[in-house]
Amino acid sequence: MATALGQVAVGPVAAVVGIRATVLILAALVVLSVLGMVSSRAVRRLAASTPGA
């Protein structure tokens, strides 16, 4: 549901600010999301597991 809403919202945003600016803004949001996940202590402490083990 959120993906569909995001796709609907991107068109008008790109029409207002331009495609390049829209892509850069969305790339920044992805980077911020990843940094937010990585900064979580619980995520950093996850142990690696092997498939099928």
N, C-alpha and C. Protein backbone atom coordinates (compact mmCIF):
# COMPACT_ATOMS: atom_id res chain seq x y z
N MET A 1 0.83 -1.19 0.00
CA MET A 1 0.00 0.00 0.00
C MET A 1 0.88 1.26 0.00
N ALA A 2 1.90 1.27 0.84
CA ALA A 2 2.76 2.45 0.90
C ALA A 2 3.51 2.65 -0.40
N THR A 3 3.89 1.55 -1.06
CA THR A 3 4.60 1.67 -2.33
C THR A 3 3.70 2.30 -3.38
N ALA A 4 2.46 1.88 -3.43
CA ALA A 4 1.52 2.46 -4.40
C ALA A 4 1.29 3.94 -4.12
N LEU A 5 1.16 4.31 -2.88
CA LEU A 5 0.98 5.73 -2.54
C LEU A 5 2.21 6.54 -2.90
N GLY A 6 3.38 5.97 -2.69
CA GLY A 6 4.61 6.65 -3.05
C GLY A 6 4.72 6.86 -4.54
N GLN A 7 4.33 5.85 -5.31
CA GLN A 7 4.37 5.97 -6.76
C GLN A 7 3.39 7.02 -7.26
N VAL A 8 2.24 7.12 -6.63
CA VAL A 8 1.26 8.14 -7.01
C VAL A 8 1.78 9.54 -6.66
N ALA A 9 2.49 9.67 -5.56
CA ALA A 9 2.97 10.98 -5.12
C ALA A 9 4.18 11.47 -5.91
N VAL A 10 4.98 10.55 -6.45
CA VAL A 10 6.22 10.94 -7.13
C VAL A 10 5.94 11.72 -8.41
N GLY A 11 4.92 11.37 -9.14
CA GLY A 11 4.62 12.07 -10.40
C GLY A 11 4.44 13.56 -10.23
N PRO A 12 3.55 13.99 -9.35
CA PRO A 12 3.37 15.43 -9.14
C PRO A 12 4.62 16.11 -8.57
N VAL A 13 5.34 15.42 -7.71
CA VAL A 13 6.57 16.01 -7.16
C VAL A 13 7.58 16.23 -8.27
N ALA A 14 7.74 15.25 -9.15
CA ALA A 14 8.68 15.38 -10.27
C ALA A 14 8.24 16.48 -11.22
N ALA A 15 6.95 16.66 -11.37
CA ALA A 15 6.46 17.73 -12.25
C ALA A 15 6.78 19.11 -11.69
N VAL A 16 6.80 19.22 -10.36
CA VAL A 16 7.06 20.52 -9.73
C VAL A 16 8.55 20.82 -9.62
N VAL A 17 9.33 19.85 -9.11
CA VAL A 17 10.75 20.13 -8.84
C VAL A 17 11.69 19.58 -9.90
N GLY A 18 11.19 18.76 -10.81
CA GLY A 18 12.02 18.18 -11.85
C GLY A 18 12.43 16.76 -11.51
N ILE A 19 12.76 16.02 -12.55
CA ILE A 19 13.08 14.60 -12.37
C ILE A 19 14.40 14.43 -11.61
N ARG A 20 15.42 15.19 -12.00
CA ARG A 20 16.73 15.05 -11.35
C ARG A 20 16.64 15.36 -9.86
N ALA A 21 15.98 16.44 -9.51
CA ALA A 21 15.83 16.81 -8.10
C ALA A 21 15.04 15.75 -7.34
N THR A 22 14.00 15.21 -7.98
CA THR A 22 13.20 14.17 -7.34
C THR A 22 14.04 12.93 -7.06
N VAL A 23 14.84 12.52 -8.03
CA VAL A 23 15.69 11.34 -7.84
C VAL A 23 16.70 11.59 -6.73
N LEU A 24 17.30 12.77 -6.70
CA LEU A 24 18.27 13.08 -5.66
C LEU A 24 17.62 13.13 -4.27
N ILE A 25 16.44 13.68 -4.19
CA ILE A 25 15.72 13.72 -2.91
C ILE A 25 15.40 12.31 -2.44
N LEU A 26 14.93 11.47 -3.35
CA LEU A 26 14.59 10.10 -2.97
C LEU A 26 15.83 9.29 -2.62
N ALA A 27 16.93 9.54 -3.31
CA ALA A 27 18.18 8.86 -2.97
C ALA A 27 18.63 9.26 -1.56
N ALA A 28 18.47 10.54 -1.24
CA ALA A 28 18.82 11.00 0.11
C ALA A 28 17.93 10.32 1.16
N LEU A 29 16.66 10.13 0.85
CA LEU A 29 15.76 9.44 1.78
C LEU A 29 16.19 7.99 1.99
N VAL A 30 16.63 7.34 0.93
CA VAL A 30 17.11 5.96 1.06
C VAL A 30 18.35 5.91 1.95
N VAL A 31 19.29 6.83 1.71
CA VAL A 31 20.52 6.87 2.52
C VAL A 31 20.17 7.13 3.98
N LEU A 32 19.28 8.07 4.24
CA LEU A 32 18.88 8.35 5.62
C LEU A 32 18.21 7.15 6.27
N SER A 33 17.40 6.43 5.51
CA SER A 33 16.75 5.22 6.04
C SER A 33 17.77 4.16 6.42
N VAL A 34 18.75 3.95 5.54
CA VAL A 34 19.78 2.95 5.82
C VAL A 34 20.62 3.37 7.02
N LEU A 35 20.98 4.64 7.09
CA LEU A 35 21.74 5.11 8.24
C LEU A 35 20.95 4.95 9.53
N GLY A 36 19.65 5.17 9.46
CA GLY A 36 18.80 4.96 10.64
C GLY A 36 18.80 3.52 11.09
N MET A 37 18.74 2.60 10.12
CA MET A 37 18.76 1.17 10.47
C MET A 37 20.11 0.78 11.05
N VAL A 38 21.18 1.22 10.41
CA VAL A 38 22.53 0.84 10.85
C VAL A 38 22.85 1.44 12.22
N SER A 39 22.27 2.59 12.52
CA SER A 39 22.57 3.22 13.81
C SER A 39 21.85 2.52 14.97
N SER A 40 20.93 1.63 14.66
CA SER A 40 20.23 0.90 15.71
C SER A 40 21.14 -0.16 16.31
N ARG A 41 21.29 -0.13 17.59
CA ARG A 41 22.14 -1.09 18.30
C ARG A 41 21.64 -2.52 18.07
N ALA A 42 20.33 -2.71 18.04
CA ALA A 42 19.78 -4.04 17.85
C ALA A 42 20.15 -4.61 16.47
N VAL A 43 20.20 -3.78 15.48
CA VAL A 43 20.58 -4.24 14.14
C VAL A 43 22.07 -4.55 14.10
N ARG A 44 22.88 -3.70 14.69
CA ARG A 44 24.32 -3.93 14.67
C ARG A 44 24.71 -5.20 15.41
N ARG A 45 23.90 -5.62 16.37
CA ARG A 45 24.24 -6.82 17.17
C ARG A 45 23.65 -8.10 16.61
N LEU A 46 22.99 -8.05 15.46
CA LEU A 46 22.43 -9.26 14.87
C LEU A 46 23.57 -10.20 14.49
N ALA A 47 23.36 -11.44 14.80
CA ALA A 47 24.38 -12.46 14.46
C ALA A 47 24.10 -13.00 13.07
N ALA A 48 25.16 -13.29 12.35
CA ALA A 48 25.01 -13.88 11.02
C ALA A 48 24.60 -15.33 11.17
N SER A 49 23.77 -15.78 10.27
CA SER A 49 23.38 -17.19 10.28
C SER A 49 23.55 -17.75 8.88
N THR A 50 23.81 -19.04 8.83
CA THR A 50 23.99 -19.69 7.54
C THR A 50 22.67 -20.33 7.12
N PRO A 51 22.33 -20.26 5.83
CA PRO A 51 21.09 -20.88 5.36
C PRO A 51 21.12 -22.39 5.57
N GLY A 52 20.02 -22.94 6.00
CA GLY A 52 19.91 -24.38 6.19
C GLY A 52 20.53 -24.90 7.47
N ALA A 53 21.03 -24.01 8.29
CA ALA A 53 21.69 -24.48 9.52
C ALA A 53 20.70 -24.52 10.67
